[in-house]
C-alpha atoms as a PDB file:
ATOM      1  CA  MET A   1     -25.228 -29.172  45.574  1.00  0.00           C
ATOM      2  CA  LYS A   2     -24.251 -29.705  41.969  1.00  0.00           C
ATOM      3  CA  ARG A   3     -27.346 -27.770  41.228  1.00  0.00           C
ATOM      4  CA  LYS A   4     -25.488 -24.672  42.932  1.00  0.00           C
ATOM      5  CA  TYR A   5     -21.816 -25.548  41.025  1.00  0.00           C
ATOM      6  CA  LEU A   6     -23.945 -25.740  37.636  1.00  0.00           C
ATOM      7  CA  TYR A   7     -25.688 -22.599  38.010  1.00  0.00           C
ATOM      8  CA  ILE A   8     -22.117 -21.247  39.208  1.00  0.00           C
ATOM      9  CA  LEU A   9     -20.601 -22.154  36.070  1.00  0.00           C
ATOM     10  CA  ALA A  10     -23.037 -21.075  33.354  1.00  0.00           C
ATOM     11  CA  LEU A  11     -22.810 -17.402  35.387  1.00  0.00           C
ATOM     12  CA  LEU A  12     -18.768 -17.954  34.697  1.00  0.00           C
ATOM     13  CA  ALA A  13     -19.646 -18.886  31.565  1.00  0.00           C
ATOM     14  CA  ILE A  14     -22.267 -16.050  30.158  1.00  0.00           C
ATOM     15  CA  ALA A  15     -19.777 -13.743  31.955  1.00  0.00           C
ATOM     16  CA  LEU A  16     -16.890 -14.980  29.968  1.00  0.00           C
ATOM     17  CA  LEU A  17     -18.616 -14.699  26.737  1.00  0.00           C
ATOM     18  CA  GLY A  18     -19.944 -11.558  27.818  1.00  0.00           C
ATOM     19  CA  TYR A  19     -16.463 -10.078  28.113  1.00  0.00           C
ATOM     20  CA  ASN A  20     -15.214 -11.454  24.769  1.00  0.00           C
ATOM     21  CA  SER A  21     -18.159 -10.125  23.092  1.00  0.00           C
ATOM     22  CA  VAL A  22     -17.555  -6.209  23.815  1.00  0.00           C
ATOM     23  CA  TYR A  23     -14.211  -4.667  22.358  1.00  0.00           C
ATOM     24  CA  PHE A  24     -13.066  -1.611  24.112  1.00  0.00           C
ATOM     25  CA  LYS A  25     -11.162   0.407  21.143  1.00  0.00           C
ATOM     26  CA  LYS A  26      -7.922   2.135  23.026  1.00  0.00           C
ATOM     27  CA  LEU A  27      -8.226   6.455  22.873  1.00  0.00           C
ATOM     28  CA  SER A  28      -5.217   6.068  20.849  1.00  0.00           C
ATOM     29  CA  ASP A  29      -6.470   4.232  18.150  1.00  0.00           C
ATOM     30  CA  VAL A  30     -10.119   6.251  18.111  1.00  0.00           C
ATOM     31  CA  LYS A  31      -8.227   9.709  18.121  1.00  0.00           C
ATOM     32  CA  LYS A  32      -6.122   8.017  15.017  1.00  0.00           C
ATOM     33  CA  ALA A  33      -8.919   7.018  12.972  1.00  0.00           C
ATOM     34  CA  GLN A  34     -10.419  10.310  13.787  1.00  0.00           C
ATOM     35  CA  LYS A  35      -7.273  11.991  12.054  1.00  0.00           C
ATOM     36  CA  GLU A  36      -7.229   9.774   9.408  1.00  0.00           C
ATOM     37  CA  SER A  37     -11.021  10.908   8.820  1.00  0.00           C
ATOM     38  CA  PHE A  38     -10.244  14.179   7.407  1.00  0.00           C
ATOM     39  CA  ASP A  39     -10.310  14.189   3.711  1.00  0.00           C
ATOM     40  CA  PHE A  40      -6.980  15.065   2.457  1.00  0.00           C
ATOM     41  CA  LYS A  41      -7.894  14.757  -1.400  1.00  0.00           C
ATOM     42  CA  ALA A  42     -11.327  17.235  -1.222  1.00  0.00           C
ATOM     43  CA  TYR A  43      -8.889  19.689   0.952  1.00  0.00           C
ATOM     44  CA  ALA A  44      -5.998  19.353  -2.044  1.00  0.00           C
ATOM     45  CA  ASP A  45      -8.803  20.067  -4.333  1.00  0.00           C
ATOM     46  CA  SER A  46      -9.807  23.068  -3.305  1.00  0.00           C
ATOM     47  CA  LEU A  47      -6.350  23.926  -2.454  1.00  0.00           C
ATOM     48  CA  TYR A  48      -5.419  23.439  -6.199  1.00  0.00           C
ATOM     49  CA  TYR A  49      -8.653  25.300  -8.440  1.00  0.00           C
ATOM     50  CA  LYS A  50      -9.494  27.602  -5.793  1.00  0.00           C
ATOM     51  CA  GLY A  51      -5.957  28.423  -4.505  1.00  0.00           C
ATOM     52  CA  ILE A  52      -3.446  28.096  -6.985  1.00  0.00           C
ATOM     53  CA  LEU A  53      -5.053  28.722 -10.172  1.00  0.00           C
ATOM     54  CA  LYS A  54      -6.768  31.722  -9.121  1.00  0.00           C
ATOM     55  CA  SER A  55      -3.838  32.919  -6.795  1.00  0.00           C
ATOM     56  CA  LYS A  56      -3.172  36.605  -7.150  1.00  0.00           C
ATOM     57  CA  LYS A  57       0.766  35.966  -5.950  1.00  0.00           C
ATOM     58  CA  THR A  58       1.899  34.030  -8.865  1.00  0.00           C
ATOM     59  CA  VAL A  59       3.953  36.278 -10.331  1.00  0.00           C
ATOM     60  CA  ASP A  60       5.234  36.506 -13.623  1.00  0.00           C
ATOM     61  CA  LEU A  61       8.535  34.989 -14.191  1.00  0.00           C
ATOM     62  CA  THR A  62      10.034  37.830 -16.079  1.00  0.00           C
ATOM     63  CA  ASN A  63       9.368  39.897 -13.371  1.00  0.00           C
ATOM     64  CA  LEU A  64      10.356  38.352 -10.173  1.00  0.00           C
ATOM     65  CA  ILE A  65      13.709  37.996 -11.715  1.00  0.00           C
ATOM     66  CA  SER A  66      13.727  41.434 -12.196  1.00  0.00           C
ATOM     67  CA  SER A  67      12.761  41.959  -8.224  1.00  0.00           C
ATOM     68  CA  LEU A  68      15.487  39.813  -7.232  1.00  0.00           C
ATOM     69  CA  LYS A  69      18.228  40.654  -9.417  1.00  0.00           C
ATOM     70  CA  SER A  70      17.504  44.539  -7.817  1.00  0.00           C
ATOM     71  CA  ASP A  71      16.196  43.743  -4.106  1.00  0.00           C
ATOM     72  CA  PRO A  72      16.681  40.055  -3.450  1.00  0.00           C
ATOM     73  CA  SER A  73      15.250  40.913  -0.056  1.00  0.00           C
ATOM     74  CA  ALA A  74      12.241  42.884  -1.056  1.00  0.00           C
ATOM     75  CA  ALA A  75      11.590  40.238  -3.824  1.00  0.00           C
ATOM     76  CA  PHE A  76      11.552  37.403  -1.546  1.00  0.00           C
ATOM     77  CA  GLU A  77       9.613  39.120   0.912  1.00  0.00           C
ATOM     78  CA  LYS A  78       6.944  40.193  -1.251  1.00  0.00           C
ATOM     79  CA  PHE A  79       6.405  36.714  -3.851  1.00  0.00           C
ATOM     80  CA  GLY A  80       8.419  34.404  -1.791  1.00  0.00           C
ATOM     81  CA  ASN A  81       7.050  31.812   1.064  1.00  0.00           C
ATOM     82  CA  ARG A  82       9.757  29.804   3.067  1.00  0.00           C
ATOM     83  CA  LEU A  83       8.464  27.702   6.284  1.00  0.00           C
ATOM     84  CA  GLY A  84      11.795  28.567   8.355  1.00  0.00           C
ATOM     85  CA  ILE A  85      15.120  30.861   8.044  1.00  0.00           C
ATOM     86  CA  GLY A  86      17.321  30.409   4.985  1.00  0.00           C
ATOM     87  CA  ASN A  87      18.321  31.609   1.874  1.00  0.00           C
ATOM     88  CA  SER A  88      16.100  29.891  -0.438  1.00  0.00           C
ATOM     89  CA  ALA A  89      12.288  30.368  -0.834  1.00  0.00           C
ATOM     90  CA  TYR A  90       9.452  28.470  -3.023  1.00  0.00           C
ATOM     91  CA  PHE A  91       7.900  31.052  -5.734  1.00  0.00           C
ATOM     92  CA  MET A  92       4.781  30.475  -8.138  1.00  0.00           C
ATOM     93  CA  ILE A  93       5.539  31.305 -11.532  1.00  0.00           C
ATOM     94  CA  LYS A  94       4.116  32.092 -14.882  1.00  0.00           C
ATOM     95  CA  SER A  95       5.490  32.606 -18.139  1.00  0.00           C
ATOM     96  CA  THR A  96       5.542  31.553 -21.830  1.00  0.00           C
ATOM     97  CA  GLY A  97       7.972  29.693 -24.665  1.00  0.00           C
ATOM     98  CA  LYS A  98       8.430  27.464 -26.914  1.00  0.00           C
ATOM     99  CA  ILE A  99       8.825  23.355 -26.627  1.00  0.00           C
ATOM    100  CA  ILE A 100      12.264  22.517 -28.186  1.00  0.00           C
ATOM    101  CA  ASP A 101      12.816  19.190 -26.607  1.00  0.00           C
ATOM    102  CA  ILE A 102      11.016  16.489 -24.704  1.00  0.00           C
ATOM    103  CA  LYS A 103      12.796  13.470 -22.691  1.00  0.00           C
ATOM    104  CA  ASP A 104      11.324  11.776 -19.909  1.00  0.00           C
ATOM    105  CA  GLY A 105       8.918  13.816 -19.047  1.00  0.00           C
ATOM    106  CA  ILE A 106      11.127  17.013 -18.912  1.00  0.00           C
ATOM    107  CA  TYR A 107       9.915  19.289 -20.979  1.00  0.00           C
ATOM    108  CA  THR A 108      12.685  22.105 -22.492  1.00  0.00           C
ATOM    109  CA  VAL A 109      11.150  25.480 -23.083  1.00  0.00           C
ATOM    110  CA  ALA A 110      12.708  28.164 -24.875  1.00  0.00           C
ATOM    111  CA  ASP A 111      11.276  31.458 -22.497  1.00  0.00           C
ATOM    112  CA  GLU A 112      11.565  34.808 -24.654  1.00  0.00           C
ATOM    113  CA  HIS A 113      12.851  36.666 -22.014  1.00  0.00           C
ATOM    114  CA  ASN A 114      14.212  34.309 -19.545  1.00  0.00           C
ATOM    115  CA  GLY A 115      16.343  31.967 -21.341  1.00  0.00           C
ATOM    116  CA  VAL A 116      16.153  27.851 -21.675  1.00  0.00           C
ATOM    117  CA  VAL A 117      13.492  26.352 -18.372  1.00  0.00           C
ATOM    118  CA  PHE A 118      12.942  23.412 -17.689  1.00  0.00           C
ATOM    119  CA  ILE A 119       9.691  21.437 -16.807  1.00  0.00           C
ATOM    120  CA  ASP A 120       9.479  18.619 -15.126  1.00  0.00           C
ATOM    121  CA  THR A 121       5.802  17.062 -15.795  1.00  0.00           C
ATOM    122  CA  LYS A 122       6.817  13.430 -14.357  1.00  0.00           C
ATOM    123  CA  TYR A 123       8.519  13.485 -11.207  1.00  0.00           C
ATOM    124  CA  ILE A 124       5.619  15.752  -9.305  1.00  0.00           C
ATOM    125  CA  PHE A 125       6.976  15.099  -5.514  1.00  0.00           C
ATOM    126  CA  GLY A 126       7.991  16.970  -2.823  1.00  0.00           C
ATOM    127  CA  ASN A 127       6.773  20.278  -1.520  1.00  0.00           C
ATOM    128  CA  ASP A 128       7.230  22.586  -3.642  1.00  0.00           C
ATOM    129  CA  LEU A 129       3.651  23.320  -4.695  1.00  0.00           C
ATOM    130  CA  ARG A 130       2.438  22.976  -1.305  1.00  0.00           C
ATOM    131  CA  ASP A 131       4.823  25.558  -0.193  1.00  0.00           C
ATOM    132  CA  ALA A 132       4.982  28.243  -3.050  1.00  0.00           C
ATOM    133  CA  SER A 133       1.160  28.813  -2.869  1.00  0.00           C
ATOM    134  CA  GLY A 134       1.849  30.120   0.474  1.00  0.00           C
ATOM    135  CA  LEU A 135      -1.942  28.735   1.433  1.00  0.00           C
ATOM    136  CA  VAL A 136      -0.566  26.436   4.136  1.00  0.00           C
ATOM    137  CA  LYS A 137       1.057  26.481   7.168  1.00  0.00           C
ATOM    138  CA  LEU A 138       2.351  24.466   9.303  1.00  0.00           C
ATOM    139  CA  THR A 139       0.269  25.258  11.943  1.00  0.00           C
ATOM    140  CA  ASP A 140      -2.698  24.386  10.044  1.00  0.00           C
ATOM    141  CA  PHE A 141      -2.053  20.461  11.387  1.00  0.00           C
ATOM    142  CA  LYS A 142      -1.531  18.754  14.270  1.00  0.00           C
ATOM    143  CA  THR A 143       1.329  17.048  12.799  1.00  0.00           C
ATOM    144  CA  ASN A 144       4.282  16.868  10.549  1.00  0.00           C
ATOM    145  CA  ALA A 145       2.489  13.643   9.242  1.00  0.00           C
ATOM    146  CA  GLN A 146      -1.182  15.742   7.939  1.00  0.00           C
ATOM    147  CA  PHE A 147       1.194  18.105   6.803  1.00  0.00           C
ATOM    148  CA  ASN A 148       3.340  16.419   4.465  1.00  0.00           C
ATOM    149  CA  LYS A 149      -0.005  14.816   3.463  1.00  0.00           C
ATOM    150  CA  VAL A 150      -1.411  17.801   2.456  1.00  0.00           C
ATOM    151  CA  SER A 151       1.785  17.761  -0.200  1.00  0.00           C
ATOM    152  CA  GLU A 152       1.063  13.817  -1.517  1.00  0.00           C
ATOM    153  CA  SER A 153      -2.639  14.460  -2.362  1.00  0.00           C
ATOM    154  CA  LEU A 154      -1.874  17.952  -4.201  1.00  0.00           C
ATOM    155  CA  ASN A 155       0.992  16.255  -5.834  1.00  0.00           C
ATOM    156  CA  ASP A 156      -1.619  13.270  -7.149  1.00  0.00           C
ATOM    157  CA  ILE A 157      -3.734  15.799  -8.679  1.00  0.00           C
ATOM    158  CA  VAL A 158      -1.493  17.705 -10.409  1.00  0.00           C
ATOM    159  CA  ARG A 159       1.028  14.681 -11.490  1.00  0.00           C
ATOM    160  CA  ASN A 160      -2.113  12.319 -12.357  1.00  0.00           C
ATOM    161  CA  GLU A 161      -4.660  13.973 -13.201  1.00  0.00           C
ATOM    162  CA  VAL A 162      -4.169  18.030 -14.285  1.00  0.00           C
ATOM    163  CA  ILE A 163      -1.062  17.523 -16.686  1.00  0.00           C
ATOM    164  CA  PRO A 164      -1.842  14.171 -18.182  1.00  0.00           C
ATOM    165  CA  LYS A 165      -4.690  15.853 -19.796  1.00  0.00           C
ATOM    166  CA  GLU A 166      -3.020  19.059 -20.262  1.00  0.00           C
ATOM    167  CA  ILE A 167       0.401  17.858 -22.324  1.00  0.00           C
ATOM    168  CA  LYS A 168      -2.056  15.515 -24.816  1.00  0.00           C
ATOM    169  CA  THR A 169      -2.450  18.415 -26.116  1.00  0.00           C
ATOM    170  CA  VAL A 170       1.046  19.817 -26.265  1.00  0.00           C
ATOM    171  CA  LYS A 171       3.821  18.925 -28.510  1.00  0.00           C
ATOM    172  CA  LEU A 172       7.328  19.076 -29.839  1.00  0.00           C
ATOM    173  CA  GLY A 173       7.707  23.125 -31.099  1.00  0.00           C
ATOM    174  CA  ASP A 174       4.138  23.983 -29.908  1.00  0.00           C
ATOM    175  CA  SER A 175       4.181  27.730 -27.735  1.00  0.00           C
ATOM    176  CA  ILE A 176       2.383  27.329 -24.605  1.00  0.00           C
ATOM    177  CA  SER A 177       2.042  29.176 -21.120  1.00  0.00           C
ATOM    178  CA  PHE A 178       2.878  27.847 -17.766  1.00  0.00           C
ATOM    179  CA  SER A 179       2.934  28.440 -14.224  1.00  0.00           C
ATOM    180  CA  GLY A 180       3.833  26.505 -11.431  1.00  0.00           C
ATOM    181  CA  ALA A 181       6.363  26.314  -8.381  1.00  0.00           C
ATOM    182  CA  VAL A 182      10.323  26.569  -8.575  1.00  0.00           C
ATOM    183  CA  LYS A 183      12.727  27.354  -5.575  1.00  0.00           C
ATOM    184  CA  LEU A 184      15.401  29.938  -5.658  1.00  0.00           C
ATOM    185  CA  SER A 185      17.561  31.183  -3.515  1.00  0.00           C
ATOM    186  CA  LYS A 186      19.084  35.005  -2.445  1.00  0.00           C
ATOM    187  CA  LYS A 187      22.706  33.894  -3.388  1.00  0.00           C
ATOM    188  CA  GLN A 188      21.673  33.256  -6.869  1.00  0.00           C
ATOM    189  CA  THR A 189      22.985  35.561  -9.754  1.00  0.00           C
ATOM    190  CA  LEU A 190      22.423  33.117 -12.691  1.00  0.00           C
ATOM    191  CA  PHE A 191      18.469  32.682 -12.678  1.00  0.00           C
ATOM    192  CA  THR A 192      18.416  30.440 -16.282  1.00  0.00           C
ATOM    193  CA  ASP A 193      17.871  26.624 -16.746  1.00  0.00           C
ATOM    194  CA  LEU A 194      15.142  26.741 -13.638  1.00  0.00           C
ATOM    195  CA  LEU A 195      13.458  24.048 -13.100  1.00  0.00           C
ATOM    196  CA  ILE A 196       9.419  24.100 -12.386  1.00  0.00           C
ATOM    197  CA  ILE A 197       6.849  21.773 -11.091  1.00  0.00           C
ATOM    198  CA  PRO A 198       4.080  22.792 -12.977  1.00  0.00           C
ATOM    199  CA  SER A 199       0.586  23.413 -11.624  1.00  0.00           C
ATOM    200  CA  GLN A 200      -0.703  24.171 -15.183  1.00  0.00           C
ATOM    201  CA  ILE A 201       0.297  23.913 -19.155  1.00  0.00           C
ATOM    202  CA  LYS A 202      -1.579  25.572 -21.795  1.00  0.00           C
ATOM    203  CA  LEU A 203      -1.283  26.434 -25.608  1.00  0.00           C
ATOM    204  CA  GLN A 204      -1.304  29.606 -26.448  1.00  0.00           C
END
């Protein structure tokens, strides 16, 4: 009888060890891991270098302002991008000007045709670049978190890799060409003192 009980105890011990050695992941955890395996950095790299820098939708700031003054609705339809309804939209613009002040990462630029504009080289956050590009749709991703991750990755590239290298070559008094995102409203009547989130800054 004792041997019988010993066999039972041994089998129970083996079963217990086997149970503890097998780890079953929850299906939700597996799906989450699969989602997180998406390479947002590579996607943002492609979006920036193959999309934004070569975008045909980038409009000269002078032409944009002229279009907005003459026919705001047509200008918004042709050049703007927005995710929902409303009077505001994001635009990818380009222009040239002379740097007249630099303070806390803000470059004050005297645009020859459009007055003074401001280029923020420090606080590159938010969805301006992603939305102005018009290259990414909410329906491209399953969750808002993933959609926002695109903005984060894109901003990281511009803020930490692109702009720091470019502004090393420019200084106060230099003439530059620049491109970037700007948010405008149909209700605006003045288009001076615009704040631009840059995608590129170059010496002329």
